[in-house]
N, C-alpha and C. Protein backbone atom coordinates (compact mmCIF):
# COMPACT_ATOMS: atom_id res chain seq x y z
N LYS A 1 7.03 -19.73 21.69
CA LYS A 1 6.91 -18.33 22.06
C LYS A 1 5.72 -17.68 21.35
N LEU A 2 5.49 -18.03 20.09
CA LEU A 2 4.36 -17.46 19.37
C LEU A 2 3.04 -17.84 20.03
N LYS A 3 2.91 -19.10 20.43
CA LYS A 3 1.68 -19.53 21.09
C LYS A 3 1.46 -18.77 22.38
N HIS A 4 2.55 -18.56 23.11
CA HIS A 4 2.49 -17.83 24.38
C HIS A 4 1.94 -16.42 24.16
N GLU A 5 2.29 -15.81 23.03
CA GLU A 5 1.84 -14.45 22.73
C GLU A 5 0.54 -14.43 21.93
N GLY A 6 -0.03 -15.60 21.67
CA GLY A 6 -1.29 -15.67 20.95
C GLY A 6 -1.20 -15.39 19.46
N LEU A 7 -0.03 -15.63 18.89
CA LEU A 7 0.18 -15.40 17.46
C LEU A 7 0.45 -16.70 16.73
N SER A 8 0.00 -16.76 15.50
CA SER A 8 0.40 -17.87 14.65
C SER A 8 1.51 -17.35 13.74
N PHE A 9 2.26 -18.26 13.15
CA PHE A 9 3.33 -17.86 12.26
C PHE A 9 2.77 -17.09 11.06
N SER A 10 1.65 -17.55 10.52
CA SER A 10 1.07 -16.87 9.36
C SER A 10 0.59 -15.46 9.71
N LYS A 11 0.07 -15.28 10.91
CA LYS A 11 -0.37 -13.94 11.34
C LYS A 11 0.84 -13.01 11.52
N LEU A 12 1.92 -13.55 12.04
CA LEU A 12 3.14 -12.78 12.20
C LEU A 12 3.68 -12.33 10.84
N ILE A 13 3.69 -13.25 9.87
CA ILE A 13 4.14 -12.92 8.52
C ILE A 13 3.25 -11.84 7.92
N LEU A 14 1.94 -11.99 8.08
CA LEU A 14 1.00 -11.00 7.55
C LEU A 14 1.28 -9.62 8.15
N GLU A 15 1.45 -9.56 9.45
CA GLU A 15 1.71 -8.27 10.11
C GLU A 15 3.00 -7.64 9.61
N GLU A 16 4.04 -8.43 9.44
CA GLU A 16 5.31 -7.91 8.94
C GLU A 16 5.17 -7.39 7.51
N ARG A 17 4.44 -8.15 6.68
CA ARG A 17 4.23 -7.72 5.29
C ARG A 17 3.43 -6.42 5.23
N MET A 18 2.42 -6.29 6.08
CA MET A 18 1.59 -5.09 6.06
C MET A 18 2.35 -3.88 6.59
N VAL A 19 3.19 -4.07 7.59
CA VAL A 19 4.03 -2.97 8.09
C VAL A 19 4.98 -2.51 6.98
N MET A 20 5.57 -3.47 6.27
CA MET A 20 6.47 -3.14 5.18
C MET A 20 5.71 -2.42 4.06
N ALA A 21 4.53 -2.91 3.71
CA ALA A 21 3.72 -2.29 2.66
C ALA A 21 3.36 -0.85 3.05
N GLU A 22 2.95 -0.68 4.29
CA GLU A 22 2.59 0.66 4.78
C GLU A 22 3.77 1.61 4.65
N ARG A 23 4.93 1.16 5.03
CA ARG A 23 6.14 1.99 4.97
C ARG A 23 6.47 2.34 3.51
N LEU A 24 6.45 1.33 2.64
CA LEU A 24 6.78 1.56 1.23
C LEU A 24 5.78 2.50 0.57
N LEU A 25 4.51 2.35 0.87
CA LEU A 25 3.50 3.23 0.29
C LEU A 25 3.65 4.66 0.80
N SER A 26 4.10 4.82 2.03
CA SER A 26 4.26 6.17 2.58
C SER A 26 5.37 6.94 1.87
N TYR A 27 6.33 6.23 1.27
CA TYR A 27 7.40 6.90 0.51
C TYR A 27 6.88 7.45 -0.81
N ASN A 28 5.78 6.87 -1.30
CA ASN A 28 5.16 7.28 -2.56
C ASN A 28 6.13 7.16 -3.75
N LEU A 29 7.02 6.17 -3.70
CA LEU A 29 8.00 5.96 -4.76
C LEU A 29 7.69 4.76 -5.64
N TYR A 30 6.86 3.85 -5.13
CA TYR A 30 6.62 2.58 -5.81
C TYR A 30 5.16 2.42 -6.19
N SER A 31 4.95 1.72 -7.30
CA SER A 31 3.58 1.36 -7.68
C SER A 31 3.05 0.32 -6.70
N VAL A 32 1.75 0.14 -6.69
CA VAL A 32 1.14 -0.87 -5.84
C VAL A 32 1.67 -2.25 -6.23
N GLY A 33 1.83 -2.49 -7.52
CA GLY A 33 2.36 -3.77 -7.98
C GLY A 33 3.77 -4.03 -7.47
N LYS A 34 4.61 -3.00 -7.47
CA LYS A 34 5.98 -3.14 -6.99
C LYS A 34 5.99 -3.37 -5.48
N VAL A 35 5.13 -2.67 -4.75
CA VAL A 35 5.03 -2.88 -3.30
C VAL A 35 4.61 -4.31 -3.02
N ALA A 36 3.63 -4.80 -3.77
CA ALA A 36 3.18 -6.19 -3.61
C ALA A 36 4.34 -7.15 -3.81
N GLU A 37 5.10 -6.93 -4.87
CA GLU A 37 6.24 -7.79 -5.18
C GLU A 37 7.30 -7.75 -4.07
N ILE A 38 7.65 -6.55 -3.62
CA ILE A 38 8.65 -6.40 -2.56
C ILE A 38 8.20 -7.10 -1.28
N CYS A 39 6.91 -7.05 -1.01
CA CYS A 39 6.36 -7.66 0.21
C CYS A 39 6.13 -9.16 0.08
N GLY A 40 6.44 -9.72 -1.07
CA GLY A 40 6.37 -11.17 -1.22
C GLY A 40 5.09 -11.71 -1.83
N TYR A 41 4.30 -10.85 -2.45
CA TYR A 41 3.06 -11.29 -3.09
C TYR A 41 3.30 -11.42 -4.59
N GLU A 42 2.96 -12.58 -5.14
CA GLU A 42 3.10 -12.79 -6.58
C GLU A 42 1.93 -12.18 -7.35
N ASN A 43 0.79 -12.06 -6.70
CA ASN A 43 -0.43 -11.59 -7.34
C ASN A 43 -0.84 -10.25 -6.74
N THR A 44 -0.81 -9.20 -7.54
CA THR A 44 -1.13 -7.86 -7.05
C THR A 44 -2.58 -7.76 -6.57
N SER A 45 -3.49 -8.41 -7.28
CA SER A 45 -4.91 -8.36 -6.87
C SER A 45 -5.10 -8.97 -5.49
N TYR A 46 -4.40 -10.05 -5.22
CA TYR A 46 -4.49 -10.68 -3.91
C TYR A 46 -3.91 -9.75 -2.84
N PHE A 47 -2.78 -9.13 -3.15
CA PHE A 47 -2.18 -8.17 -2.22
C PHE A 47 -3.17 -7.05 -1.90
N VAL A 48 -3.82 -6.52 -2.93
CA VAL A 48 -4.79 -5.43 -2.73
C VAL A 48 -5.92 -5.88 -1.81
N SER A 49 -6.41 -7.10 -2.00
CA SER A 49 -7.51 -7.57 -1.15
C SER A 49 -7.05 -7.80 0.29
N VAL A 50 -5.84 -8.32 0.47
CA VAL A 50 -5.30 -8.52 1.82
C VAL A 50 -5.08 -7.16 2.49
N PHE A 51 -4.51 -6.22 1.76
CA PHE A 51 -4.25 -4.89 2.30
C PHE A 51 -5.56 -4.21 2.71
N ARG A 52 -6.57 -4.31 1.85
CA ARG A 52 -7.87 -3.69 2.14
C ARG A 52 -8.49 -4.31 3.40
N ARG A 53 -8.39 -5.62 3.52
CA ARG A 53 -8.93 -6.30 4.70
C ARG A 53 -8.19 -5.84 5.96
N TYR A 54 -6.88 -5.66 5.86
CA TYR A 54 -6.05 -5.32 7.01
C TYR A 54 -6.23 -3.85 7.44
N PHE A 55 -6.22 -2.92 6.45
CA PHE A 55 -6.25 -1.49 6.76
C PHE A 55 -7.60 -0.82 6.53
N GLY A 56 -8.51 -1.50 5.84
CA GLY A 56 -9.82 -0.93 5.60
C GLY A 56 -9.94 -0.09 4.34
N VAL A 57 -8.83 0.13 3.66
CA VAL A 57 -8.82 0.87 2.39
C VAL A 57 -7.82 0.19 1.46
N PRO A 58 -8.02 0.34 0.14
CA PRO A 58 -7.05 -0.25 -0.79
C PRO A 58 -5.73 0.53 -0.77
N PRO A 59 -4.65 -0.09 -1.20
CA PRO A 59 -3.33 0.54 -1.12
C PRO A 59 -3.24 1.91 -1.81
N HIS A 60 -3.82 2.05 -2.99
CA HIS A 60 -3.70 3.34 -3.69
C HIS A 60 -4.40 4.45 -2.91
N GLN A 61 -5.50 4.13 -2.28
CA GLN A 61 -6.22 5.12 -1.48
C GLN A 61 -5.43 5.43 -0.20
N TYR A 62 -4.83 4.42 0.37
CA TYR A 62 -4.03 4.60 1.59
C TYR A 62 -2.85 5.53 1.30
N SER A 63 -2.13 5.26 0.20
CA SER A 63 -0.95 6.08 -0.10
C SER A 63 -1.35 7.51 -0.45
N SER A 64 -2.47 7.69 -1.14
CA SER A 64 -2.95 9.05 -1.46
C SER A 64 -3.29 9.81 -0.19
N ARG A 65 -3.99 9.15 0.71
CA ARG A 65 -4.38 9.79 1.97
C ARG A 65 -3.14 10.14 2.80
N PHE A 66 -2.18 9.22 2.85
CA PHE A 66 -0.96 9.46 3.61
C PHE A 66 -0.21 10.65 3.02
N PHE A 67 -0.13 10.70 1.69
CA PHE A 67 0.58 11.78 1.02
C PHE A 67 -0.09 13.12 1.29
N LEU A 68 -1.42 13.16 1.24
CA LEU A 68 -2.15 14.40 1.51
C LEU A 68 -1.95 14.87 2.95
N GLU A 69 -1.98 13.94 3.89
CA GLU A 69 -1.77 14.30 5.30
C GLU A 69 -0.37 14.87 5.50
N LYS A 70 0.61 14.28 4.81
CA LYS A 70 2.00 14.74 4.92
C LYS A 70 2.13 16.15 4.34
N GLU A 71 1.45 16.41 3.23
CA GLU A 71 1.49 17.72 2.59
C GLU A 71 0.90 18.81 3.48
N MET A 72 -0.12 18.46 4.26
CA MET A 72 -0.81 19.44 5.09
C MET A 72 -0.03 19.80 6.34
N MET A 73 0.96 19.02 6.68
CA MET A 73 1.73 19.27 7.91
C MET A 73 2.67 20.44 7.74
């Protein structure tokens, strides 16, 4: 089924981890290190680089921007 949809298992895992990270960061309750751990990353630096590659900004900047947008609403 994954091949039919053009996905690899590793890409599916990455997408799920990034969706989870995005959600956790939007709560603004956890440190970047804790979010990395919850999402299954043993190395916070690696998580930060993966997150930056996926979203275009590092996690701390993403959560700050999300928090500011929420405040302005």
